[in-house]
N, C-alpha and C. Protein backbone atom coordinates (compact mmCIF):
# COMPACT_ATOMS: atom_id res chain seq x y z
N MET A 1 -35.35 -82.63 83.20
CA MET A 1 -35.44 -81.53 82.50
C MET A 1 -35.79 -80.70 83.96
N ASN A 2 -35.72 -79.35 83.71
CA ASN A 2 -35.68 -78.33 84.64
C ASN A 2 -36.83 -77.66 84.49
N CYS A 3 -37.63 -76.59 85.16
CA CYS A 3 -39.16 -76.55 85.34
C CYS A 3 -38.95 -75.38 84.32
N GLY A 4 -37.77 -74.51 84.35
CA GLY A 4 -37.72 -73.31 83.18
C GLY A 4 -38.14 -73.89 81.50
N HIS A 5 -37.31 -75.09 81.47
CA HIS A 5 -37.58 -75.71 80.24
C HIS A 5 -38.99 -76.49 79.85
N MET A 6 -39.73 -76.93 81.02
CA MET A 6 -40.69 -77.16 80.80
C MET A 6 -41.96 -76.36 80.54
N GLU A 7 -41.50 -75.18 81.11
CA GLU A 7 -42.64 -73.92 80.90
C GLU A 7 -42.56 -73.41 79.20
N LYS A 8 -41.55 -73.55 78.70
CA LYS A 8 -41.30 -72.89 77.38
C LYS A 8 -42.09 -74.12 76.45
N ARG A 9 -42.04 -75.30 76.90
CA ARG A 9 -42.88 -76.35 76.02
C ARG A 9 -43.98 -76.87 76.44
N LEU A 10 -44.65 -76.18 77.63
CA LEU A 10 -46.08 -76.60 77.86
C LEU A 10 -47.02 -76.30 76.85
N VAL A 11 -47.07 -75.34 76.15
CA VAL A 11 -48.13 -75.09 75.07
C VAL A 11 -47.82 -75.96 74.07
N THR A 12 -46.53 -76.58 73.85
CA THR A 12 -46.52 -77.76 72.62
C THR A 12 -46.94 -78.82 73.17
N TYR A 13 -46.68 -79.40 74.30
CA TYR A 13 -47.29 -80.45 74.80
C TYR A 13 -48.64 -80.41 74.80
N LEU A 14 -49.52 -79.15 75.25
CA LEU A 14 -50.96 -79.23 75.07
C LEU A 14 -51.68 -79.30 73.77
N ASP A 15 -50.65 -78.77 72.83
CA ASP A 15 -51.32 -78.81 71.51
C ASP A 15 -50.99 -80.32 70.77
N GLY A 16 -50.09 -80.80 71.62
CA GLY A 16 -49.96 -82.43 71.13
C GLY A 16 -49.05 -82.63 70.05
N LYS A 17 -48.08 -81.36 70.02
CA LYS A 17 -47.03 -81.51 69.09
C LYS A 17 -45.74 -81.96 69.35
N LEU A 18 -45.74 -82.79 70.42
CA LEU A 18 -44.20 -83.11 71.18
C LEU A 18 -44.18 -84.23 70.57
N THR A 19 -42.86 -84.88 70.25
CA THR A 19 -42.76 -86.41 69.88
C THR A 19 -43.03 -87.11 71.09
N VAL A 20 -42.99 -88.63 70.47
CA VAL A 20 -43.26 -89.61 71.93
C VAL A 20 -42.55 -89.75 72.91
N ALA A 21 -41.04 -89.41 72.49
CA ALA A 21 -40.14 -89.47 73.54
C ALA A 21 -40.14 -88.22 74.60
N GLU A 22 -40.54 -87.31 73.77
CA GLU A 22 -40.45 -85.94 74.57
C GLU A 22 -41.59 -86.04 75.09
N ARG A 23 -42.84 -86.39 74.78
CA ARG A 23 -44.06 -86.34 75.61
C ARG A 23 -44.13 -87.07 76.90
N ARG A 24 -43.24 -88.57 76.71
CA ARG A 24 -42.92 -89.21 78.08
C ARG A 24 -42.11 -88.61 78.83
N GLN A 25 -41.28 -87.92 78.47
CA GLN A 25 -40.24 -87.16 79.62
C GLN A 25 -41.16 -86.02 79.98
N PHE A 26 -41.89 -85.34 79.43
CA PHE A 26 -42.72 -84.21 80.00
C PHE A 26 -43.68 -84.53 81.02
N GLU A 27 -44.41 -85.84 80.69
CA GLU A 27 -45.24 -86.45 81.77
C GLU A 27 -44.79 -86.84 82.92
N ALA A 28 -43.37 -87.48 82.78
CA ALA A 28 -42.56 -87.87 83.90
C ALA A 28 -42.23 -86.72 84.84
N HIS A 29 -41.90 -85.70 84.18
CA HIS A 29 -41.61 -84.34 85.12
C HIS A 29 -42.91 -83.93 85.47
N LEU A 30 -43.98 -84.11 85.05
CA LEU A 30 -45.29 -83.72 85.44
C LEU A 30 -45.67 -84.44 86.86
N ALA A 31 -45.27 -85.82 86.67
CA ALA A 31 -45.63 -86.48 87.48
C ALA A 31 -44.91 -86.32 89.23
N LEU A 32 -43.89 -85.43 88.70
CA LEU A 32 -42.74 -85.35 89.76
C LEU A 32 -43.18 -83.91 90.38
N CYS A 33 -43.22 -82.98 89.52
CA CYS A 33 -43.28 -81.69 89.80
C CYS A 33 -44.65 -81.18 90.17
N THR A 34 -45.18 -80.79 91.35
CA THR A 34 -46.55 -80.41 91.33
C THR A 34 -46.84 -78.82 90.71
N THR A 35 -45.70 -77.78 90.78
CA THR A 35 -45.83 -76.59 90.33
C THR A 35 -45.92 -76.48 88.75
N CYS A 36 -45.46 -77.45 88.05
CA CYS A 36 -45.52 -77.76 86.60
C CYS A 36 -46.96 -78.26 86.45
N ARG A 37 -47.44 -79.33 87.14
CA ARG A 37 -48.49 -80.01 87.00
C ARG A 37 -49.84 -79.07 87.16
N GLU A 38 -49.77 -78.27 88.20
CA GLU A 38 -50.80 -77.12 88.50
C GLU A 38 -50.80 -76.19 87.40
N ARG A 39 -49.67 -75.97 86.93
CA ARG A 39 -49.63 -74.91 85.95
C ARG A 39 -50.11 -75.64 84.60
N ALA A 40 -49.98 -76.83 84.24
CA ALA A 40 -50.48 -77.43 82.99
C ALA A 40 -51.92 -77.39 82.99
N GLU A 41 -52.53 -77.98 84.35
CA GLU A 41 -54.02 -78.09 84.71
C GLU A 41 -54.49 -76.49 84.41
N GLY A 42 -53.98 -75.71 84.80
CA GLY A 42 -54.82 -74.28 84.74
C GLY A 42 -54.94 -74.02 83.19
N PHE A 43 -53.83 -74.30 82.27
CA PHE A 43 -53.93 -74.15 80.90
C PHE A 43 -54.83 -74.88 80.37
N ARG A 44 -54.80 -76.01 80.55
CA ARG A 44 -55.95 -77.10 80.45
C ARG A 44 -57.46 -76.52 80.53
N SER A 45 -57.65 -76.01 81.40
CA SER A 45 -59.11 -75.64 82.00
C SER A 45 -59.26 -74.26 81.43
N VAL A 46 -58.31 -73.55 81.10
CA VAL A 46 -58.67 -72.06 80.24
C VAL A 46 -58.79 -72.67 78.64
N TRP A 47 -58.23 -73.41 78.39
CA TRP A 47 -58.04 -74.14 77.02
C TRP A 47 -59.61 -74.80 76.67
N ASP A 48 -60.11 -75.66 77.87
CA ASP A 48 -61.34 -76.11 77.69
C ASP A 48 -62.56 -74.93 77.44
N VAL A 49 -62.64 -74.21 78.59
CA VAL A 49 -63.44 -72.79 78.20
C VAL A 49 -63.43 -72.42 77.15
N LEU A 50 -62.44 -72.08 76.46
CA LEU A 50 -62.31 -71.23 75.37
C LEU A 50 -62.77 -72.24 74.15
N ASP A 51 -62.75 -73.53 74.11
CA ASP A 51 -63.30 -74.55 73.38
C ASP A 51 -64.57 -74.61 73.33
N GLU A 52 -65.53 -74.19 74.44
CA GLU A 52 -67.00 -74.05 74.62
C GLU A 52 -67.52 -73.01 73.88
N LEU A 53 -66.46 -71.66 73.65
CA LEU A 53 -67.20 -70.64 73.12
C LEU A 53 -67.54 -71.02 71.70
N PRO A 54 -68.65 -70.32 71.05
CA PRO A 54 -68.75 -70.39 69.43
C PRO A 54 -67.81 -69.83 68.91
N ALA A 55 -67.47 -70.27 67.66
CA ALA A 55 -66.71 -69.70 66.60
C ALA A 55 -67.40 -68.44 65.94
N LEU A 56 -66.87 -67.68 66.24
CA LEU A 56 -67.02 -66.17 65.48
C LEU A 56 -66.89 -66.24 64.17
N ALA A 57 -67.65 -66.03 63.34
CA ALA A 57 -67.47 -65.84 61.83
C ALA A 57 -67.76 -64.52 61.34
N PRO A 58 -66.79 -63.82 60.33
CA PRO A 58 -66.90 -62.55 60.39
C PRO A 58 -68.01 -62.24 59.08
N SER A 59 -68.78 -61.09 59.14
CA SER A 59 -69.48 -60.65 58.45
C SER A 59 -69.34 -60.71 56.97
N ALA A 60 -70.02 -60.91 56.03
CA ALA A 60 -69.79 -60.63 54.88
C ALA A 60 -69.07 -59.69 54.43
N ALA A 61 -69.71 -58.36 54.89
CA ALA A 61 -68.84 -57.13 54.49
C ALA A 61 -67.31 -56.63 55.21
N PHE A 62 -67.33 -57.76 56.03
CA PHE A 62 -65.84 -57.41 56.72
C PHE A 62 -64.71 -57.07 56.06
N ASP A 63 -64.47 -57.53 54.79
CA ASP A 63 -63.63 -57.23 54.04
C ASP A 63 -63.48 -56.08 53.35
N ASN A 64 -64.72 -55.52 53.10
CA ASN A 64 -64.89 -54.27 52.39
C ASN A 64 -64.84 -53.11 53.52
N LEU A 65 -65.17 -53.22 54.80
CA LEU A 65 -65.19 -52.60 55.88
C LEU A 65 -63.92 -52.50 56.26
N VAL A 66 -62.64 -53.63 56.29
CA VAL A 66 -61.33 -53.24 56.62
C VAL A 66 -60.61 -52.30 55.66
N ARG A 67 -60.83 -52.54 54.26
CA ARG A 67 -60.39 -51.75 53.09
C ARG A 67 -60.87 -50.22 53.41
N ALA A 68 -62.07 -50.07 53.68
CA ALA A 68 -62.48 -48.62 53.63
C ALA A 68 -61.78 -47.93 54.81
N ARG A 69 -61.78 -48.70 55.97
CA ARG A 69 -60.66 -48.30 57.08
C ARG A 69 -59.41 -48.00 56.67
N VAL A 70 -58.97 -48.66 55.98
CA VAL A 70 -57.54 -48.38 55.88
C VAL A 70 -57.40 -47.48 54.67
N GLN A 71 -58.30 -47.13 53.95
CA GLN A 71 -58.10 -46.16 52.90
C GLN A 71 -58.06 -44.67 53.72
N GLN A 72 -59.12 -44.60 54.47
CA GLN A 72 -59.26 -43.50 55.71
C GLN A 72 -58.04 -42.96 56.34
N GLU A 73 -57.19 -44.36 56.74
CA GLU A 73 -56.04 -43.84 57.52
C GLU A 73 -55.19 -42.90 56.71
N PRO A 74 -54.64 -41.73 57.47
CA PRO A 74 -53.35 -40.92 56.64
C PRO A 74 -52.40 -41.74 56.01
N ARG A 75 -51.65 -41.35 55.06
CA ARG A 75 -50.69 -42.06 54.37
C ARG A 75 -49.57 -41.63 55.20
N ARG A 76 -48.73 -42.80 55.06
CA ARG A 76 -47.31 -42.55 55.83
C ARG A 76 -46.28 -41.77 54.69
N ALA A 77 -45.46 -41.37 54.97
CA ALA A 77 -44.51 -40.74 54.39
C ALA A 77 -43.46 -41.88 53.67
N GLY A 78 -43.34 -41.62 52.29
CA GLY A 78 -42.49 -42.68 51.68
C GLY A 78 -41.01 -42.41 51.89
N LEU A 79 -40.65 -43.48 51.15
CA LEU A 79 -39.05 -43.59 51.23
C LEU A 79 -38.14 -42.34 51.02
N TRP A 80 -38.70 -41.43 49.99
CA TRP A 80 -37.91 -40.49 49.35
C TRP A 80 -38.71 -39.13 50.40
N SER A 81 -39.39 -38.86 51.16
CA SER A 81 -39.93 -37.85 51.59
C SER A 81 -39.08 -37.30 52.43
N TRP A 82 -37.94 -37.73 52.73
CA TRP A 82 -37.15 -36.93 53.58
C TRP A 82 -36.34 -36.05 53.06
N ILE A 83 -36.18 -36.13 51.47
CA ILE A 83 -35.52 -34.97 50.63
C ILE A 83 -36.44 -33.74 50.81
N VAL A 84 -37.66 -33.80 50.72
CA VAL A 84 -38.35 -32.47 50.66
C VAL A 84 -38.45 -31.84 51.98
N PRO A 85 -37.58 -30.74 52.33
CA PRO A 85 -37.65 -29.89 53.53
C PRO A 85 -38.78 -29.50 54.25
N SER A 86 -39.27 -29.17 55.48
CA SER A 86 -40.23 -28.87 55.86
C SER A 86 -40.02 -27.47 55.94
N PRO A 87 -41.10 -26.58 55.83
CA PRO A 87 -40.82 -25.11 55.83
C PRO A 87 -40.12 -24.75 56.97
N ARG A 88 -40.29 -25.19 58.17
CA ARG A 88 -39.16 -24.72 59.40
C ARG A 88 -37.79 -24.65 59.12
N LEU A 89 -37.75 -25.91 58.26
CA LEU A 89 -36.24 -26.07 58.09
C LEU A 89 -35.39 -25.17 56.92
N ALA A 90 -36.39 -24.99 55.97
CA ALA A 90 -36.14 -24.28 54.79
C ALA A 90 -35.88 -22.57 55.26
N PHE A 91 -36.80 -22.10 56.36
CA PHE A 91 -36.43 -21.29 56.92
C PHE A 91 -35.14 -20.90 57.65
N ALA A 92 -34.98 -21.76 58.32
CA ALA A 92 -33.76 -22.01 59.33
C ALA A 92 -32.73 -21.99 58.60
N ALA A 93 -32.49 -22.90 57.41
CA ALA A 93 -31.17 -22.89 56.64
C ALA A 93 -31.15 -21.69 55.83
N THR A 94 -32.31 -20.96 55.30
CA THR A 94 -32.11 -19.56 54.39
C THR A 94 -31.18 -18.60 55.43
N ALA A 95 -32.03 -18.43 57.02
CA ALA A 95 -31.43 -17.67 57.91
C ALA A 95 -29.75 -17.97 58.10
N LEU A 96 -30.01 -18.86 58.22
CA LEU A 96 -28.18 -19.23 58.62
C LEU A 96 -27.40 -18.73 57.53
N LEU A 97 -27.91 -19.01 56.17
CA LEU A 97 -27.09 -18.50 55.02
C LEU A 97 -26.98 -17.16 55.19
N ILE A 98 -28.12 -16.45 55.09
CA ILE A 98 -28.00 -14.83 55.13
C ILE A 98 -27.16 -14.50 56.15
N ALA A 99 -26.98 -14.85 57.53
CA ALA A 99 -26.47 -14.41 58.52
C ALA A 99 -24.83 -14.45 58.33
N SER A 100 -24.72 -15.79 57.76
CA SER A 100 -23.06 -16.11 57.36
C SER A 100 -22.60 -14.97 56.39
N VAL A 101 -23.40 -15.13 55.46
CA VAL A 101 -23.12 -14.06 54.25
C VAL A 101 -22.70 -12.55 54.92
N TRP A 102 -23.89 -12.26 55.32
CA TRP A 102 -23.33 -10.97 56.62
C TRP A 102 -22.19 -10.67 57.26
N LEU A 103 -22.02 -11.74 58.06
CA LEU A 103 -20.94 -11.89 58.91
C LEU A 103 -19.52 -11.78 58.50
N SER A 104 -19.72 -12.65 57.03
CA SER A 104 -18.24 -12.76 56.44
C SER A 104 -17.76 -11.36 55.33
N SER A 105 -18.92 -10.50 55.30
CA SER A 105 -18.60 -9.08 54.80
C SER A 105 -17.83 -8.42 55.42
N PHE A 106 -17.90 -8.62 56.66
CA PHE A 106 -17.13 -7.63 57.57
C PHE A 106 -15.78 -8.07 57.37
N GLN A 107 -14.61 -6.73 57.45
CA GLN A 107 -13.39 -7.08 57.25
C GLN A 107 -12.46 -6.73 58.80
N PRO A 108 -11.56 -7.63 58.94
CA PRO A 108 -11.14 -7.38 60.29
C PRO A 108 -10.84 -6.08 60.58
N ALA A 109 -10.23 -5.20 59.66
CA ALA A 109 -9.70 -3.76 60.09
C ALA A 109 -10.89 -3.04 60.22
N ARG A 110 -12.24 -3.34 60.06
CA ARG A 110 -13.41 -2.71 60.32
C ARG A 110 -14.01 -2.90 61.55
N LEU A 111 -13.72 -3.64 62.23
CA LEU A 111 -14.44 -4.36 63.21
C LEU A 111 -13.87 -3.51 64.64
N PRO A 112 -14.69 -3.27 65.34
CA PRO A 112 -14.29 -2.02 66.34
C PRO A 112 -13.25 -2.86 67.52
N MET A 113 -12.47 -2.44 68.13
CA MET A 113 -11.82 -2.92 69.13
C MET A 113 -12.50 -2.86 70.19
N THR A 114 -12.35 -4.14 70.91
CA THR A 114 -13.09 -4.39 72.30
C THR A 114 -12.02 -4.26 73.63
N HIS A 115 -10.77 -4.38 73.24
CA HIS A 115 -10.16 -4.30 74.28
C HIS A 115 -8.56 -3.48 73.95
N PRO A 116 -8.39 -2.70 74.83
CA PRO A 116 -7.82 -1.63 74.90
C PRO A 116 -6.08 -1.86 74.42
N LEU A 117 -5.63 -3.26 74.57
CA LEU A 117 -4.41 -3.71 74.43
C LEU A 117 -4.41 -3.99 72.96
N THR A 118 -5.27 -4.36 72.31
CA THR A 118 -5.29 -4.82 70.89
C THR A 118 -4.81 -3.49 70.18
N GLY A 119 -5.23 -2.64 70.36
CA GLY A 119 -4.40 -1.34 69.75
C GLY A 119 -3.04 -1.56 69.81
N VAL A 120 -2.20 -1.86 70.80
CA VAL A 120 -0.84 -2.08 70.68
C VAL A 120 -0.39 -2.80 69.89
N ALA A 121 -1.15 -4.19 69.94
CA ALA A 121 -0.96 -5.41 69.23
C ALA A 121 -0.83 -5.33 67.64
N ILE A 122 -1.79 -4.44 67.02
CA ILE A 122 -2.21 -3.72 65.79
C ILE A 122 -0.96 -3.02 65.31
N GLN A 123 -0.57 -2.42 65.80
CA GLN A 123 0.55 -1.30 65.81
C GLN A 123 1.86 -2.18 65.53
N ASN A 124 1.86 -3.12 66.69
CA ASN A 124 3.35 -4.39 66.13
C ASN A 124 2.88 -4.80 65.10
N ASN A 125 1.86 -5.43 64.71
CA ASN A 125 1.60 -6.30 63.35
C ASN A 125 1.80 -5.61 62.43
N GLU A 126 1.50 -4.26 62.36
CA GLU A 126 1.75 -3.32 61.04
C GLU A 126 3.24 -3.07 61.02
N ALA A 127 4.03 -2.78 61.98
CA ALA A 127 5.41 -2.65 62.03
C ALA A 127 6.15 -4.22 61.38
N GLU A 128 5.58 -4.97 61.94
CA GLU A 128 6.04 -6.30 61.21
C GLU A 128 5.93 -6.47 59.74
N PHE A 129 4.53 -6.29 59.73
CA PHE A 129 4.17 -6.35 58.23
C PHE A 129 4.99 -5.42 57.21
N GLY A 130 5.36 -4.17 57.82
CA GLY A 130 6.57 -3.37 57.10
C GLY A 130 7.64 -4.02 56.95
N MET A 131 8.11 -4.70 57.78
CA MET A 131 9.35 -5.52 57.56
C MET A 131 9.13 -6.74 56.41
N ILE A 132 8.35 -7.27 56.46
CA ILE A 132 8.05 -8.11 55.65
C ILE A 132 7.77 -7.67 54.17
N GLU A 133 7.44 -6.64 54.09
CA GLU A 133 6.86 -5.84 52.68
C GLU A 133 8.56 -5.45 52.19
N ASP A 134 9.49 -5.12 53.25
CA ASP A 134 10.79 -4.91 52.79
C ASP A 134 11.59 -6.00 52.68
N LEU A 135 11.52 -7.07 52.68
CA LEU A 135 12.07 -8.05 52.75
C LEU A 135 13.04 -8.32 51.63
N PRO A 136 12.65 -8.39 50.38
CA PRO A 136 13.50 -8.65 49.28
C PRO A 136 14.85 -7.78 49.20
N VAL A 137 14.29 -6.13 49.72
CA VAL A 137 15.74 -5.51 49.87
C VAL A 137 16.67 -5.85 51.11
N LEU A 138 16.38 -6.44 52.10
CA LEU A 138 16.86 -6.77 53.11
C LEU A 138 17.67 -8.05 52.78
N GLU A 139 17.21 -8.63 52.10
CA GLU A 139 18.12 -9.84 51.60
C GLU A 139 19.10 -9.47 50.99
N ASP A 140 18.89 -8.55 49.88
CA ASP A 140 20.01 -8.25 48.79
C ASP A 140 21.12 -7.36 49.81
N TYR A 141 20.55 -6.67 50.64
CA TYR A 141 21.59 -5.56 51.66
C TYR A 141 22.24 -7.10 52.61
N ASP A 142 21.70 -7.96 52.78
CA ASP A 142 22.58 -9.27 53.76
C ASP A 142 23.42 -9.66 52.80
N VAL A 143 23.08 -10.11 51.42
CA VAL A 143 24.12 -10.73 50.42
C VAL A 143 25.21 -9.66 50.28
N LEU A 144 25.00 -8.37 50.04
CA LEU A 144 25.84 -7.53 49.87
C LEU A 144 26.87 -7.09 50.85
N THR A 145 26.20 -6.77 52.01
CA THR A 145 27.11 -6.86 53.42
C THR A 145 28.34 -8.13 53.64
N SER A 146 27.74 -9.09 53.31
CA SER A 146 28.71 -10.74 53.72
C SER A 146 29.27 -10.79 52.31
N PHE A 147 29.26 -9.92 51.32
CA PHE A 147 29.79 -10.45 49.77
C PHE A 147 31.38 -9.90 49.97
N ASP A 148 32.41 -10.82 50.13
CA ASP A 148 33.76 -10.83 50.58
C ASP A 148 34.33 -10.42 48.98
N ALA A 149 34.03 -10.52 48.05
CA ALA A 149 34.60 -10.34 46.47
C ALA A 149 34.66 -8.88 46.42
N LEU A 150 34.10 -7.94 46.82
CA LEU A 150 33.89 -6.43 46.94
C LEU A 150 34.92 -6.14 47.51
N SER A 151 35.50 -6.74 48.74
CA SER A 151 36.77 -6.07 49.22
C SER A 151 38.25 -6.60 48.67
N GLU A 152 38.17 -7.35 47.78
CA GLU A 152 39.26 -7.73 47.03
C GLU A 152 39.45 -7.22 45.57
N LEU A 153 38.59 -6.28 45.57
CA LEU A 153 38.74 -5.34 43.99
C LEU A 153 40.00 -4.70 44.18
N PRO A 154 40.59 -4.55 42.87
CA PRO A 154 41.83 -4.01 43.05
C PRO A 154 41.49 -2.59 43.07
N VAL A 155 42.20 -1.57 43.66
CA VAL A 155 42.20 -0.30 43.60
C VAL A 155 42.79 0.35 42.56
N GLN A 156 42.07 1.17 42.12
CA GLN A 156 42.23 1.90 40.61
C GLN A 156 43.10 3.16 40.93
N SER A 157 44.07 3.47 40.14
CA SER A 157 44.87 4.71 40.42
C SER A 157 44.30 5.73 40.21
N THR A 158 44.65 7.14 40.88
CA THR A 158 44.13 8.14 41.01
C THR A 158 44.06 9.09 39.63
N ALA A 159 45.09 8.79 38.86
CA ALA A 159 44.99 9.45 37.60
C ALA A 159 43.92 9.20 36.59
N GLN A 160 43.49 10.29 36.25
CA GLN A 160 42.23 10.05 35.48
C GLN A 160 42.60 10.24 33.92
N PRO A 161 41.88 9.74 33.19
CA PRO A 161 42.33 9.80 31.72
C PRO A 161 42.00 11.43 31.42
N GLN A 162 42.92 11.74 30.41
CA GLN A 162 42.83 13.07 29.72
C GLN A 162 41.42 13.46 29.10
N SER A 163 41.02 12.70 28.45
CA SER A 163 39.61 12.56 28.14
C SER A 163 38.66 13.30 28.87
N LEU A 164 38.53 13.19 30.09
CA LEU A 164 37.62 13.22 31.11
C LEU A 164 37.90 14.55 31.65
N LYS A 165 39.16 14.67 31.68
CA LYS A 165 39.69 16.17 32.34
C LYS A 165 39.20 17.26 31.40
N GLN A 166 39.38 17.30 30.20
CA GLN A 166 39.12 18.09 29.07
C GLN A 166 37.40 18.62 29.03
N MET A 167 36.82 17.71 29.64
CA MET A 167 35.35 17.96 29.42
C MET A 167 34.77 18.87 30.46
């Protein structure tokens, strides 16, 4: 056995809770290792001193004093106490809500321009929007200009019916 393993079992050995085989193995290690033997003797001497001290018995009112002291301690927050917001948190959330509603009330057209080049960009955007506004008309124009059926229509004669000339 190594010394690290022995240190872990030293208190169990001194309490007498080791099995017979473990106890023999432990004592064999103590016979060979002076460091572990000195450590075990130090623990034994401390325990002997502690055994000489008189046993303290609690007073008759000990139980009542402990209960009174426990009741004097402030209560800890319960499991669901996190749901109730603190006043600072409620104020911060309300201020954030008001600021976001106020900022969302501004329309982009009403915001002041901060950069001189943005005016040119706005004019270009308005021209593009005008083109998009006329998109249905432009689509019809495109269809009509590439409509070959109109070029194949028969030409009417120049003679007009008599009924139209009299009018």
